[in-house]
Amino acid sequence: MFGRPPRHDAAPPSPPAVPFERPPMPQQVAAARLVIGPNIKFVGKELAIITDGTVQIEGEFNGDIHAREVIVGDGGAVAGTICGEDIRIHGRVTGTLRGTTISLQPSSITVAKIFHHTLTINTGAQFEGMVRRADNPAAVTPKWDEDAVVDLASVKAEVQRPKLAIVEPS
């Protein structure tokens, strides 16, 4: 009412200058997670996945998997060696399983040699193969070093079968 009319040709005031600040660095990076989705196939010679994170297979993978956690989903299929601390099978697996904790879920179809510390076979799971409890932690521990990964089925770290000795009665 008592002032000057506003000027329409003046530039709006600029915001005050703020010094550049970097966002804080996270103290811990989230664990790696690899998901092979449905309708995806990995087929080849000597394929291997090596991670200290999680691998989830919803498609098909022909090769070896070395991970902290491995999940084979309902539609997933793996042909090869799976080595991990926690292995959960919901789909199909053919080959060798080596894990600290292995769980075969009701929808699973597994044809494998299993080396484990703890094994759970749920009602409805289909399993054919051999099971052996591994007292040697090296036999079921995943390898993170690419050079250390070999065909674990042939490693001598497998649990040795007890030797039977014939004892003559005295």
N, C-alpha and C. Protein backbone atom coordinates (compact mmCIF):
# COMPACT_ATOMS: atom_id res chain seq x y z
N MET A 1 0.81 -1.14 0.00
CA MET A 1 0.00 0.00 0.00
C MET A 1 0.88 1.25 0.00
N PHE A 2 1.92 1.32 0.87
CA PHE A 2 2.76 2.49 0.92
C PHE A 2 4.12 2.25 0.29
N GLY A 3 4.38 1.26 -0.40
CA GLY A 3 5.71 1.00 -0.94
C GLY A 3 5.72 1.12 -2.45
N ARG A 4 6.89 0.81 -2.96
CA ARG A 4 7.02 0.81 -4.41
C ARG A 4 6.42 -0.47 -4.97
N PRO A 5 5.95 -0.39 -6.17
CA PRO A 5 5.44 -1.63 -6.79
C PRO A 5 6.62 -2.55 -7.10
N PRO A 6 6.39 -3.85 -7.03
CA PRO A 6 7.49 -4.80 -7.27
C PRO A 6 7.97 -4.72 -8.72
N ARG A 7 9.29 -4.90 -8.90
CA ARG A 7 9.87 -4.88 -10.24
C ARG A 7 9.83 -6.29 -10.80
N HIS A 8 9.35 -6.42 -12.00
CA HIS A 8 9.23 -7.73 -12.64
C HIS A 8 10.46 -8.08 -13.47
N ASP A 9 11.32 -7.16 -13.72
CA ASP A 9 12.48 -7.43 -14.56
C ASP A 9 13.73 -7.78 -13.74
N ALA A 10 13.66 -7.76 -12.43
CA ALA A 10 14.83 -8.05 -11.59
C ALA A 10 14.99 -9.56 -11.43
N ALA A 11 16.24 -10.03 -11.38
CA ALA A 11 16.53 -11.46 -11.18
C ALA A 11 16.25 -11.84 -9.74
N PRO A 12 15.76 -13.07 -9.53
CA PRO A 12 15.50 -13.49 -8.15
C PRO A 12 16.82 -13.60 -7.39
N PRO A 13 16.78 -13.38 -6.11
CA PRO A 13 18.02 -13.46 -5.35
C PRO A 13 18.57 -14.89 -5.36
N SER A 14 19.89 -15.02 -5.46
CA SER A 14 20.50 -16.35 -5.48
C SER A 14 20.61 -16.88 -4.06
N PRO A 15 20.55 -18.21 -3.92
CA PRO A 15 20.65 -18.79 -2.58
C PRO A 15 22.06 -18.58 -2.04
N PRO A 16 22.21 -18.56 -0.74
CA PRO A 16 23.55 -18.38 -0.17
C PRO A 16 24.46 -19.53 -0.56
N ALA A 17 25.73 -19.21 -0.76
CA ALA A 17 26.70 -20.24 -1.17
C ALA A 17 26.94 -21.22 -0.03
N VAL A 18 26.89 -22.53 -0.37
CA VAL A 18 27.15 -23.59 0.60
C VAL A 18 28.39 -24.34 0.12
N PRO A 19 29.37 -24.53 0.99
CA PRO A 19 30.55 -25.27 0.55
C PRO A 19 30.18 -26.71 0.17
N PHE A 20 30.92 -27.26 -0.81
CA PHE A 20 30.66 -28.63 -1.27
C PHE A 20 30.96 -29.62 -0.16
N GLU A 21 30.00 -30.49 0.09
CA GLU A 21 30.20 -31.53 1.10
C GLU A 21 30.00 -32.88 0.44
N ARG A 22 30.92 -33.80 0.69
CA ARG A 22 30.76 -35.16 0.19
C ARG A 22 29.79 -35.92 1.08
N PRO A 23 29.00 -36.77 0.47
CA PRO A 23 28.13 -37.58 1.32
C PRO A 23 28.98 -38.51 2.17
N PRO A 24 28.52 -38.82 3.35
CA PRO A 24 29.33 -39.71 4.20
C PRO A 24 29.50 -41.07 3.55
N MET A 25 30.70 -41.63 3.67
CA MET A 25 30.98 -42.95 3.12
C MET A 25 30.38 -44.00 4.03
N PRO A 26 29.70 -44.99 3.46
CA PRO A 26 29.14 -46.05 4.31
C PRO A 26 30.29 -46.84 4.93
N GLN A 27 30.11 -47.19 6.17
CA GLN A 27 31.15 -47.94 6.88
C GLN A 27 31.25 -49.36 6.36
N GLN A 28 30.15 -49.91 5.97
CA GLN A 28 30.16 -51.28 5.49
C GLN A 28 29.39 -51.34 4.16
N VAL A 29 30.01 -51.89 3.15
CA VAL A 29 29.36 -52.03 1.85
C VAL A 29 28.44 -53.24 1.93
N ALA A 30 27.27 -53.12 1.35
CA ALA A 30 26.32 -54.23 1.36
C ALA A 30 26.93 -55.44 0.65
N ALA A 31 26.60 -56.62 1.15
CA ALA A 31 27.13 -57.85 0.58
C ALA A 31 26.65 -58.01 -0.87
N ALA A 32 27.50 -58.61 -1.68
CA ALA A 32 27.17 -58.83 -3.09
C ALA A 32 26.01 -59.81 -3.21
N ARG A 33 25.16 -59.59 -4.22
CA ARG A 33 24.04 -60.50 -4.48
C ARG A 33 23.91 -60.65 -5.99
N LEU A 34 23.98 -61.88 -6.45
CA LEU A 34 23.83 -62.19 -7.86
C LEU A 34 22.57 -63.01 -8.04
N VAL A 35 21.70 -62.56 -8.93
CA VAL A 35 20.47 -63.30 -9.22
C VAL A 35 20.47 -63.65 -10.70
N ILE A 36 20.34 -64.94 -10.98
CA ILE A 36 20.17 -65.41 -12.36
C ILE A 36 18.68 -65.69 -12.49
N GLY A 37 18.01 -64.84 -13.24
CA GLY A 37 16.56 -64.86 -13.32
C GLY A 37 16.02 -66.01 -14.15
N PRO A 38 14.69 -66.15 -14.10
CA PRO A 38 14.05 -67.20 -14.88
C PRO A 38 14.29 -66.98 -16.38
N ASN A 39 14.28 -68.03 -17.14
CA ASN A 39 14.49 -68.03 -18.59
C ASN A 39 15.89 -67.59 -18.98
N ILE A 40 16.84 -67.64 -18.05
CA ILE A 40 18.24 -67.34 -18.36
C ILE A 40 19.03 -68.62 -18.14
N LYS A 41 19.87 -68.96 -19.16
CA LYS A 41 20.70 -70.17 -19.07
C LYS A 41 22.16 -69.78 -19.18
N PHE A 42 22.99 -70.33 -18.29
CA PHE A 42 24.44 -70.21 -18.40
C PHE A 42 24.96 -71.60 -18.69
N VAL A 43 25.47 -71.80 -19.90
CA VAL A 43 25.97 -73.11 -20.31
C VAL A 43 27.35 -72.90 -20.92
N GLY A 44 28.30 -73.73 -20.54
CA GLY A 44 29.65 -73.61 -21.08
C GLY A 44 30.57 -74.56 -20.36
N LYS A 45 31.83 -74.50 -20.70
CA LYS A 45 32.82 -75.34 -20.04
C LYS A 45 33.51 -74.54 -18.95
N GLU A 46 33.65 -75.15 -17.81
CA GLU A 46 34.39 -74.60 -16.68
C GLU A 46 33.85 -73.23 -16.23
N LEU A 47 32.54 -73.08 -16.18
CA LEU A 47 31.94 -71.87 -15.64
C LEU A 47 31.99 -71.93 -14.12
N ALA A 48 32.27 -70.80 -13.49
CA ALA A 48 32.29 -70.75 -12.03
C ALA A 48 31.86 -69.38 -11.56
N ILE A 49 31.07 -69.36 -10.50
CA ILE A 49 30.71 -68.14 -9.81
C ILE A 49 31.43 -68.20 -8.47
N ILE A 50 32.18 -67.13 -8.15
CA ILE A 50 32.92 -67.08 -6.91
C ILE A 50 32.61 -65.74 -6.23
N THR A 51 31.99 -65.78 -5.05
CA THR A 51 31.66 -64.56 -4.33
C THR A 51 31.54 -64.86 -2.85
N ASP A 52 31.78 -63.84 -2.03
CA ASP A 52 31.54 -64.02 -0.60
C ASP A 52 30.16 -63.48 -0.23
N GLY A 53 29.31 -63.29 -1.24
CA GLY A 53 27.94 -62.82 -1.03
C GLY A 53 26.94 -63.93 -1.27
N THR A 54 25.81 -63.55 -1.85
CA THR A 54 24.69 -64.47 -2.09
C THR A 54 24.50 -64.69 -3.58
N VAL A 55 24.23 -65.93 -3.95
CA VAL A 55 23.89 -66.27 -5.33
C VAL A 55 22.51 -66.92 -5.30
N GLN A 56 21.60 -66.39 -6.13
CA GLN A 56 20.26 -66.95 -6.23
C GLN A 56 20.04 -67.36 -7.68
N ILE A 57 19.71 -68.63 -7.89
CA ILE A 57 19.50 -69.17 -9.23
C ILE A 57 18.01 -69.43 -9.43
N GLU A 58 17.43 -68.71 -10.37
CA GLU A 58 16.03 -68.92 -10.76
C GLU A 58 15.96 -69.49 -12.18
N GLY A 59 17.07 -69.44 -12.91
CA GLY A 59 17.16 -69.99 -14.26
C GLY A 59 17.98 -71.26 -14.23
N GLU A 60 18.85 -71.44 -15.25
CA GLU A 60 19.70 -72.63 -15.34
C GLU A 60 21.16 -72.22 -15.29
N PHE A 61 21.96 -72.97 -14.53
CA PHE A 61 23.39 -72.72 -14.46
C PHE A 61 24.11 -74.05 -14.48
N ASN A 62 25.02 -74.22 -15.47
CA ASN A 62 25.84 -75.42 -15.55
C ASN A 62 27.26 -75.01 -15.22
N GLY A 63 27.69 -75.32 -14.02
CA GLY A 63 29.03 -74.94 -13.57
C GLY A 63 29.10 -75.00 -12.06
N ASP A 64 30.15 -74.41 -11.51
CA ASP A 64 30.39 -74.45 -10.07
C ASP A 64 30.04 -73.11 -9.44
N ILE A 65 29.53 -73.18 -8.22
CA ILE A 65 29.18 -71.98 -7.47
C ILE A 65 29.88 -72.05 -6.12
N HIS A 66 30.63 -71.01 -5.80
CA HIS A 66 31.28 -70.89 -4.50
C HIS A 66 30.81 -69.56 -3.91
N ALA A 67 29.97 -69.62 -2.87
CA ALA A 67 29.40 -68.40 -2.30
C ALA A 67 29.09 -68.62 -0.83
N ARG A 68 28.94 -67.52 -0.14
CA ARG A 68 28.58 -67.62 1.28
C ARG A 68 27.18 -68.23 1.40
N GLU A 69 26.24 -67.76 0.56
CA GLU A 69 24.87 -68.25 0.59
C GLU A 69 24.44 -68.56 -0.84
N VAL A 70 23.84 -69.75 -1.04
CA VAL A 70 23.36 -70.14 -2.36
C VAL A 70 21.90 -70.56 -2.21
N ILE A 71 21.06 -69.98 -3.07
CA ILE A 71 19.64 -70.31 -3.08
C ILE A 71 19.29 -70.74 -4.50
N VAL A 72 18.79 -71.95 -4.65
CA VAL A 72 18.28 -72.42 -5.94
C VAL A 72 16.77 -72.35 -5.83
N GLY A 73 16.17 -71.40 -6.55
CA GLY A 73 14.73 -71.16 -6.47
C GLY A 73 13.90 -72.28 -7.07
N ASP A 74 12.58 -72.17 -6.92
CA ASP A 74 11.65 -73.20 -7.41
C ASP A 74 11.86 -73.51 -8.89
N GLY A 75 12.11 -72.50 -9.70
CA GLY A 75 12.31 -72.71 -11.13
C GLY A 75 13.76 -72.86 -11.51
N GLY A 76 14.65 -72.86 -10.53
CA GLY A 76 16.08 -72.91 -10.81
C GLY A 76 16.60 -74.32 -10.98
N ALA A 77 17.71 -74.44 -11.74
CA ALA A 77 18.35 -75.73 -11.96
C ALA A 77 19.86 -75.51 -12.02
N VAL A 78 20.60 -76.33 -11.29
CA VAL A 78 22.06 -76.24 -11.29
C VAL A 78 22.62 -77.64 -11.55
N ALA A 79 23.58 -77.70 -12.49
CA ALA A 79 24.33 -78.94 -12.73
C ALA A 79 25.79 -78.60 -12.47
N GLY A 80 26.34 -79.13 -11.39
CA GLY A 80 27.72 -78.83 -11.04
C GLY A 80 27.93 -78.92 -9.54
N THR A 81 28.95 -78.25 -9.06
CA THR A 81 29.29 -78.26 -7.64
C THR A 81 28.83 -76.95 -7.01
N ILE A 82 28.14 -77.07 -5.89
CA ILE A 82 27.75 -75.90 -5.11
C ILE A 82 28.45 -76.00 -3.78
N CYS A 83 29.19 -74.96 -3.43
CA CYS A 83 29.90 -74.93 -2.16
C CYS A 83 29.56 -73.62 -1.47
N GLY A 84 29.05 -73.69 -0.24
CA GLY A 84 28.68 -72.48 0.47
C GLY A 84 28.45 -72.73 1.94
N GLU A 85 28.37 -71.65 2.68
CA GLU A 85 28.09 -71.79 4.10
C GLU A 85 26.62 -72.14 4.33
N ASP A 86 25.74 -71.53 3.58
CA ASP A 86 24.30 -71.77 3.71
C ASP A 86 23.75 -72.07 2.32
N ILE A 87 23.25 -73.29 2.10
CA ILE A 87 22.72 -73.70 0.80
C ILE A 87 21.27 -74.11 1.00
N ARG A 88 20.37 -73.48 0.21
CA ARG A 88 18.96 -73.82 0.25
C ARG A 88 18.50 -74.20 -1.14
N ILE A 89 17.97 -75.40 -1.27
CA ILE A 89 17.55 -75.92 -2.57
C ILE A 89 16.02 -75.99 -2.60
N HIS A 90 15.43 -75.27 -3.54
CA HIS A 90 13.98 -75.33 -3.78
C HIS A 90 13.72 -75.97 -5.16
N GLY A 91 14.69 -75.87 -6.06
CA GLY A 91 14.54 -76.35 -7.43
C GLY A 91 15.29 -77.66 -7.65
N ARG A 92 15.99 -77.77 -8.82
CA ARG A 92 16.68 -79.00 -9.20
C ARG A 92 18.20 -78.82 -9.13
N VAL A 93 18.88 -79.81 -8.58
CA VAL A 93 20.34 -79.80 -8.52
C VAL A 93 20.85 -81.18 -8.86
N THR A 94 21.87 -81.21 -9.74
CA THR A 94 22.57 -82.44 -10.07
C THR A 94 24.05 -82.16 -9.90
N GLY A 95 24.73 -82.96 -9.09
CA GLY A 95 26.17 -82.75 -8.91
C GLY A 95 26.62 -83.01 -7.50
N THR A 96 27.30 -82.03 -6.92
CA THR A 96 27.87 -82.15 -5.58
C THR A 96 27.51 -80.92 -4.77
N LEU A 97 27.10 -81.14 -3.53
CA LEU A 97 26.81 -80.04 -2.60
C LEU A 97 27.78 -80.14 -1.43
N ARG A 98 28.45 -79.03 -1.11
CA ARG A 98 29.35 -78.96 0.04
C ARG A 98 28.97 -77.72 0.82
N GLY A 99 28.49 -77.91 2.04
CA GLY A 99 28.08 -76.74 2.79
C GLY A 99 28.03 -76.97 4.28
N THR A 100 28.16 -75.88 5.01
CA THR A 100 28.03 -75.95 6.46
C THR A 100 26.59 -76.30 6.81
N THR A 101 25.64 -75.57 6.22
CA THR A 101 24.22 -75.83 6.44
C THR A 101 23.56 -76.02 5.07
N ILE A 102 22.94 -77.18 4.88
CA ILE A 102 22.27 -77.49 3.61
C ILE A 102 20.82 -77.84 3.93
N SER A 103 19.90 -77.24 3.17
CA SER A 103 18.49 -77.48 3.38
C SER A 103 17.83 -77.83 2.05
N LEU A 104 17.20 -79.00 1.98
CA LEU A 104 16.44 -79.42 0.81
C LEU A 104 14.97 -79.17 1.11
N GLN A 105 14.37 -78.24 0.37
CA GLN A 105 13.00 -77.82 0.61
C GLN A 105 12.01 -78.78 -0.06
N PRO A 106 10.73 -78.72 0.31
CA PRO A 106 9.74 -79.67 -0.22
C PRO A 106 9.65 -79.73 -1.74
N SER A 107 9.93 -78.64 -2.44
CA SER A 107 9.82 -78.63 -3.90
C SER A 107 11.11 -79.07 -4.59
N SER A 108 12.15 -79.42 -3.84
CA SER A 108 13.46 -79.71 -4.44
C SER A 108 13.55 -81.12 -5.01
N ILE A 109 14.36 -81.22 -6.08
CA ILE A 109 14.73 -82.51 -6.68
C ILE A 109 16.25 -82.49 -6.76
N THR A 110 16.88 -83.33 -5.95
CA THR A 110 18.34 -83.30 -5.82
C THR A 110 18.92 -84.67 -6.10
N VAL A 111 19.84 -84.73 -7.06
CA VAL A 111 20.60 -85.94 -7.34
C VAL A 111 22.05 -85.53 -7.15
N ALA A 112 22.62 -85.88 -5.99
CA ALA A 112 23.93 -85.32 -5.67
C ALA A 112 24.65 -86.10 -4.59
N LYS A 113 25.95 -85.82 -4.51
CA LYS A 113 26.76 -86.20 -3.35
C LYS A 113 26.70 -84.99 -2.42
N ILE A 114 26.34 -85.21 -1.17
CA ILE A 114 26.22 -84.10 -0.22
C ILE A 114 27.23 -84.29 0.89
N PHE A 115 28.06 -83.26 1.10
CA PHE A 115 29.01 -83.20 2.19
C PHE A 115 28.57 -82.01 3.04
N HIS A 116 28.29 -82.23 4.31
CA HIS A 116 27.64 -81.19 5.11
C HIS A 116 28.12 -81.22 6.55
N HIS A 117 27.79 -80.16 7.26
CA HIS A 117 27.93 -80.15 8.71
C HIS A 117 26.53 -80.33 9.31
N THR A 118 25.54 -79.62 8.73
CA THR A 118 24.14 -79.76 9.14
C THR A 118 23.29 -79.92 7.89
N LEU A 119 22.45 -80.95 7.86
CA LEU A 119 21.60 -81.22 6.70
C LEU A 119 20.15 -81.34 7.14
N THR A 120 19.26 -80.65 6.41
CA THR A 120 17.82 -80.75 6.64
C THR A 120 17.16 -81.18 5.34
N ILE A 121 16.43 -82.29 5.38
CA ILE A 121 15.65 -82.75 4.23
C ILE A 121 14.19 -82.66 4.64
N ASN A 122 13.49 -81.69 4.10
CA ASN A 122 12.10 -81.47 4.46
C ASN A 122 11.19 -82.49 3.79
N THR A 123 10.03 -82.73 4.40
CA THR A 123 9.05 -83.64 3.84
C THR A 123 8.64 -83.17 2.46
N GLY A 124 8.67 -84.07 1.50
CA GLY A 124 8.32 -83.74 0.12
C GLY A 124 9.54 -83.54 -0.76
N ALA A 125 10.71 -83.31 -0.18
CA ALA A 125 11.93 -83.15 -0.97
C ALA A 125 12.30 -84.49 -1.59
N GLN A 126 12.74 -84.45 -2.85
CA GLN A 126 13.18 -85.67 -3.53
C GLN A 126 14.70 -85.67 -3.55
N PHE A 127 15.28 -86.73 -3.01
CA PHE A 127 16.74 -86.81 -2.94
C PHE A 127 17.21 -88.19 -3.34
N GLU A 128 18.24 -88.22 -4.19
CA GLU A 128 18.89 -89.47 -4.56
C GLU A 128 20.38 -89.19 -4.58
N GLY A 129 21.12 -90.01 -3.89
CA GLY A 129 22.57 -89.81 -3.88
C GLY A 129 23.21 -90.29 -2.61
N MET A 130 24.30 -89.64 -2.26
CA MET A 130 25.09 -90.02 -1.10
C MET A 130 25.18 -88.83 -0.15
N VAL A 131 25.15 -89.11 1.15
CA VAL A 131 25.27 -88.06 2.15
C VAL A 131 26.39 -88.43 3.10
N ARG A 132 27.23 -87.46 3.40
CA ARG A 132 28.32 -87.69 4.34
C ARG A 132 28.51 -86.45 5.18
N ARG A 133 28.55 -86.65 6.49
CA ARG A 133 28.82 -85.53 7.40
C ARG A 133 30.32 -85.27 7.40
N ALA A 134 30.70 -84.03 7.22
CA ALA A 134 32.12 -83.66 7.15
C ALA A 134 32.56 -83.10 8.49
N ASP A 135 33.47 -83.79 9.14
CA ASP A 135 34.04 -83.28 10.38
C ASP A 135 35.13 -82.27 10.10
N ASN A 136 35.73 -82.35 8.92
CA ASN A 136 36.80 -81.43 8.52
C ASN A 136 36.16 -80.19 7.91
N PRO A 137 36.28 -79.01 8.57
CA PRO A 137 35.65 -77.80 8.03
C PRO A 137 36.15 -77.43 6.64
N ALA A 138 37.37 -77.78 6.29
CA ALA A 138 37.90 -77.45 4.96
C ALA A 138 37.13 -78.16 3.85
N ALA A 139 36.50 -79.27 4.17
CA ALA A 139 35.77 -80.03 3.15
C ALA A 139 34.47 -79.35 2.74
N VAL A 140 33.95 -78.46 3.59
CA VAL A 140 32.67 -77.81 3.29
C VAL A 140 32.77 -76.28 3.24
N THR A 141 33.96 -75.74 3.32
CA THR A 141 34.15 -74.29 3.31
C THR A 141 34.33 -73.81 1.88
N PRO A 142 33.55 -72.80 1.47
CA PRO A 142 33.72 -72.28 0.10
C PRO A 142 35.06 -71.58 -0.06
N LYS A 143 35.58 -71.61 -1.27
CA LYS A 143 36.86 -70.97 -1.60
C LYS A 143 36.58 -69.65 -2.28
N TRP A 144 37.14 -68.54 -1.77
CA TRP A 144 36.93 -67.23 -2.37
C TRP A 144 38.02 -66.91 -3.37
N ASP A 145 39.17 -67.58 -3.28
CA ASP A 145 40.30 -67.31 -4.16
C ASP A 145 40.12 -68.09 -5.45
N GLU A 146 40.11 -67.39 -6.57
CA GLU A 146 39.88 -68.03 -7.87
C GLU A 146 40.88 -69.14 -8.15
N ASP A 147 42.14 -68.95 -7.74
CA ASP A 147 43.17 -69.96 -7.99
C ASP A 147 42.99 -71.20 -7.12
N ALA A 148 42.28 -71.04 -5.99
CA ALA A 148 42.08 -72.17 -5.08
C ALA A 148 40.87 -73.02 -5.46
N VAL A 149 40.05 -72.53 -6.39
CA VAL A 149 38.85 -73.26 -6.76
C VAL A 149 39.22 -74.38 -7.73
N VAL A 150 38.91 -75.58 -7.33
CA VAL A 150 39.15 -76.76 -8.16
C VAL A 150 37.91 -77.63 -8.10
N ASP A 151 37.92 -78.69 -8.85
CA ASP A 151 36.80 -79.63 -8.78
C ASP A 151 36.84 -80.29 -7.41
N LEU A 152 35.99 -79.82 -6.51
CA LEU A 152 36.04 -80.26 -5.13
C LEU A 152 35.71 -81.74 -4.97
N ALA A 153 35.06 -82.33 -5.95
CA ALA A 153 34.75 -83.75 -5.85
C ALA A 153 36.01 -84.60 -5.88
N SER A 154 37.09 -84.06 -6.43
CA SER A 154 38.32 -84.84 -6.53
C SER A 154 39.35 -84.49 -5.47
N VAL A 155 39.03 -83.54 -4.61
CA VAL A 155 39.99 -83.12 -3.59
C VAL A 155 40.05 -84.17 -2.48
N LYS A 156 41.23 -84.39 -1.97
CA LYS A 156 41.40 -85.39 -0.92
C LYS A 156 40.84 -84.94 0.41
N ALA A 157 40.33 -83.72 0.50
CA ALA A 157 39.75 -83.23 1.74
C ALA A 157 38.41 -83.90 2.04
N GLU A 158 37.95 -84.74 1.12
CA GLU A 158 36.71 -85.45 1.36
C GLU A 158 36.84 -86.27 2.62
N VAL A 159 35.72 -86.48 3.25
CA VAL A 159 35.71 -87.28 4.46
C VAL A 159 36.08 -88.71 4.09
N GLN A 160 37.09 -89.24 4.75
CA GLN A 160 37.55 -90.58 4.47
C GLN A 160 36.58 -91.60 5.06
N ARG A 161 36.34 -92.65 4.31
CA ARG A 161 35.51 -93.74 4.82
C ARG A 161 36.29 -94.49 5.89
N PRO A 162 35.61 -94.93 6.93
CA PRO A 162 36.35 -95.67 7.96
C PRO A 162 36.88 -96.98 7.38
N LYS A 163 38.09 -97.31 7.77
CA LYS A 163 38.71 -98.56 7.33
C LYS A 163 38.25 -99.67 8.27
N LEU A 164 37.82 -100.76 7.70
CA LEU A 164 37.41 -101.89 8.50
C LEU A 164 38.59 -102.85 8.64
N ALA A 165 38.81 -103.26 9.83
CA ALA A 165 39.89 -104.20 10.08
C ALA A 165 39.28 -105.52 10.54
N ILE A 166 39.81 -106.59 10.03
CA ILE A 166 39.34 -107.92 10.44
C ILE A 166 40.10 -108.31 11.69
N VAL A 167 39.35 -108.59 12.72
CA VAL A 167 39.96 -108.95 14.00
C VAL A 167 39.63 -110.42 14.25
N GLU A 168 40.67 -111.20 14.46
CA GLU A 168 40.49 -112.62 14.76
C GLU A 168 40.12 -112.78 16.22
N PRO A 169 39.12 -113.61 16.50
CA PRO A 169 38.78 -113.82 17.91
C PRO A 169 39.93 -114.53 18.63
N SER A 170 40.15 -114.19 19.86
CA SER A 170 41.24 -114.83 20.60
C SER A 170 40.78 -115.88 21.54
